[in-house]
Amino acid sequence: MALCGDDHAKLVARINRIEGQVRGLKKMVEQDRDCMQVLKQVAAASGALRSLGAVILEDHLKGCVATAIKTHDHEGDVIGQVVDIFNKFSK
């Protein structure tokens, strides 16, 4: 199953920013930077990943899941998958 949203360019841009944050973290560790500075950047990167996941999940719910429910096309399976992924996000 493909990604549900239409604006893949925005997703790629977000991923590129996250990738930059992670490269920055690596550089901070290599430079032996202060623990608190590194931890703040870890929190920022983690938040950016959570935000990306939320956008993709929202697109999935509005697209794939809504279509499966409307057409009765394995909606039980799709809802179960959403519950599983939601549980992973909430840990």
C-alpha atoms as a PDB file:
ATOM      1  CA  MET A   1       0.000   0.000   0.000  1.00  0.00           C
ATOM      2  CA  ALA A   2       1.382   3.417  -0.971  1.00  0.00           C
ATOM      3  CA  LEU A   3       1.466   6.566   1.152  1.00  0.00           C
ATOM      4  CA  CYS A   4      -1.961   8.137   1.409  1.00  0.00           C
ATOM      5  CA  GLY A   5      -1.261  11.878   1.247  1.00  0.00           C
ATOM      6  CA  ASP A   6      -0.651  13.802  -1.955  1.00  0.00           C
ATOM      7  CA  ASP A   7       2.114  16.111  -0.802  1.00  0.00           C
ATOM      8  CA  HIS A   8       5.133  13.821  -0.728  1.00  0.00           C
ATOM      9  CA  ALA A   9       7.435  16.795  -1.300  1.00  0.00           C
ATOM     10  CA  LYS A  10       6.497  18.201   2.115  1.00  0.00           C
ATOM     11  CA  LEU A  11       7.182  14.843   3.751  1.00  0.00           C
ATOM     12  CA  VAL A  12      10.560  14.616   2.032  1.00  0.00           C
ATOM     13  CA  ALA A  13      11.387  18.163   3.185  1.00  0.00           C
ATOM     14  CA  ARG A  14      10.543  17.213   6.789  1.00  0.00           C
ATOM     15  CA  ILE A  15      12.667  14.081   6.535  1.00  0.00           C
ATOM     16  CA  ASN A  16      15.557  16.124   5.146  1.00  0.00           C
ATOM     17  CA  ARG A  17      15.335  18.477   8.140  1.00  0.00           C
ATOM     18  CA  ILE A  18      15.289  15.521  10.529  1.00  0.00           C
ATOM     19  CA  GLU A  19      18.259  14.006   8.733  1.00  0.00           C
ATOM     20  CA  GLY A  20      20.094  17.304   9.224  1.00  0.00           C
ATOM     21  CA  GLN A  21      19.244  17.278  12.921  1.00  0.00           C
ATOM     22  CA  VAL A  22      20.631  13.755  13.287  1.00  0.00           C
ATOM     23  CA  ARG A  23      23.820  14.692  11.442  1.00  0.00           C
ATOM     24  CA  GLY A  24      24.107  17.668  13.796  1.00  0.00           C
ATOM     25  CA  LEU A  25      23.733  15.338  16.779  1.00  0.00           C
ATOM     26  CA  LYS A  26      26.502  13.122  15.477  1.00  0.00           C
ATOM     27  CA  LYS A  27      28.754  16.144  15.061  1.00  0.00           C
ATOM     28  CA  MET A  28      27.948  17.334  18.593  1.00  0.00           C
ATOM     29  CA  VAL A  29      28.941  13.945  20.016  1.00  0.00           C
ATOM     30  CA  GLU A  30      32.115  13.850  17.920  1.00  0.00           C
ATOM     31  CA  GLN A  31      32.979  17.317  19.253  1.00  0.00           C
ATOM     32  CA  ASP A  32      32.312  16.165  22.840  1.00  0.00           C
ATOM     33  CA  ARG A  33      29.697  18.884  23.399  1.00  0.00           C
ATOM     34  CA  ASP A  34      27.865  19.469  26.673  1.00  0.00           C
ATOM     35  CA  CYS A  35      25.420  16.697  27.623  1.00  0.00           C
ATOM     36  CA  MET A  36      22.493  19.083  28.092  1.00  0.00           C
ATOM     37  CA  GLN A  37      22.995  20.610  24.637  1.00  0.00           C
ATOM     38  CA  VAL A  38      23.058  17.152  23.074  1.00  0.00           C
ATOM     39  CA  LEU A  39      19.990  16.049  25.020  1.00  0.00           C
ATOM     40  CA  LYS A  40      18.046  19.130  23.881  1.00  0.00           C
ATOM     41  CA  GLN A  41      18.861  18.277  20.282  1.00  0.00           C
ATOM     42  CA  VAL A  42      17.862  14.640  20.835  1.00  0.00           C
ATOM     43  CA  ALA A  43      14.513  15.877  22.177  1.00  0.00           C
ATOM     44  CA  ALA A  44      14.087  18.172  19.164  1.00  0.00           C
ATOM     45  CA  ALA A  45      14.837  15.369  16.687  1.00  0.00           C
ATOM     46  CA  SER A  46      12.537  13.011  18.543  1.00  0.00           C
ATOM     47  CA  GLY A  47       9.743  15.594  18.446  1.00  0.00           C
ATOM     48  CA  ALA A  48      10.296  16.133  14.729  1.00  0.00           C
ATOM     49  CA  LEU A  49       9.994  12.379  14.105  1.00  0.00           C
ATOM     50  CA  ARG A  50       6.819  12.179  16.205  1.00  0.00           C
ATOM     51  CA  SER A  51       5.377  15.099  14.251  1.00  0.00           C
ATOM     52  CA  LEU A  52       6.234  13.452  10.930  1.00  0.00           C
ATOM     53  CA  GLY A  53       4.566  10.253  12.108  1.00  0.00           C
ATOM     54  CA  ALA A  54       1.449  12.168  13.152  1.00  0.00           C
ATOM     55  CA  VAL A  55       1.155  13.769   9.702  1.00  0.00           C
ATOM     56  CA  ILE A  56       1.528  10.410   7.949  1.00  0.00           C
ATOM     57  CA  LEU A  57      -0.955   8.782  10.345  1.00  0.00           C
ATOM     58  CA  GLU A  58      -3.492  11.562   9.751  1.00  0.00           C
ATOM     59  CA  ASP A  59      -3.160  11.145   5.978  1.00  0.00           C
ATOM     60  CA  HIS A  60      -3.576   7.390   6.382  1.00  0.00           C
ATOM     61  CA  LEU A  61      -6.721   7.792   8.477  1.00  0.00           C
ATOM     62  CA  LYS A  62      -8.262  10.319   6.084  1.00  0.00           C
ATOM     63  CA  GLY A  63      -7.316   8.325   2.997  1.00  0.00           C
ATOM     64  CA  CYS A  64      -6.735   4.600   3.246  1.00  0.00           C
ATOM     65  CA  VAL A  65      -8.714   3.905   6.420  1.00  0.00           C
ATOM     66  CA  ALA A  66     -11.698   6.051   5.403  1.00  0.00           C
ATOM     67  CA  THR A  67     -11.816   4.330   2.005  1.00  0.00           C
ATOM     68  CA  ALA A  68     -11.606   0.866   3.572  1.00  0.00           C
ATOM     69  CA  ILE A  69     -14.491   1.691   5.924  1.00  0.00           C
ATOM     70  CA  LYS A  70     -16.657   3.191   3.157  1.00  0.00           C
ATOM     71  CA  THR A  71     -16.108   0.242   0.823  1.00  0.00           C
ATOM     72  CA  HIS A  72     -16.076  -2.410   3.556  1.00  0.00           C
ATOM     73  CA  ASP A  73     -12.739  -3.573   2.133  1.00  0.00           C
ATOM     74  CA  HIS A  74     -10.986  -5.355   5.017  1.00  0.00           C
ATOM     75  CA  GLU A  75     -11.893  -2.505   7.370  1.00  0.00           C
ATOM     76  CA  GLY A  76     -11.346  -4.726  10.404  1.00  0.00           C
ATOM     77  CA  ASP A  77      -7.782  -5.438   9.335  1.00  0.00           C
ATOM     78  CA  VAL A  78      -7.088  -1.777   8.572  1.00  0.00           C
ATOM     79  CA  ILE A  79      -8.481  -0.617  11.914  1.00  0.00           C
ATOM     80  CA  GLY A  80      -6.428  -3.270  13.704  1.00  0.00           C
ATOM     81  CA  GLN A  81      -3.295  -2.020  11.955  1.00  0.00           C
ATOM     82  CA  VAL A  82      -4.059   1.547  13.018  1.00  0.00           C
ATOM     83  CA  VAL A  83      -4.563   0.470  16.615  1.00  0.00           C
ATOM     84  CA  ASP A  84      -1.238  -1.387  16.529  1.00  0.00           C
ATOM     85  CA  ILE A  85       0.679   1.578  15.138  1.00  0.00           C
ATOM     86  CA  PHE A  86      -1.058   3.991  17.517  1.00  0.00           C
ATOM     87  CA  ASN A  87       0.083   1.816  20.422  1.00  0.00           C
ATOM     88  CA  LYS A  88       3.669   2.006  19.146  1.00  0.00           C
ATOM     89  CA  PHE A  89       3.454   5.797  18.933  1.00  0.00           C
ATOM     90  CA  SER A  90       2.064   6.092  22.451  1.00  0.00           C
ATOM     91  CA  LYS A  91       5.011   4.330  24.116  1.00  0.00           C
END
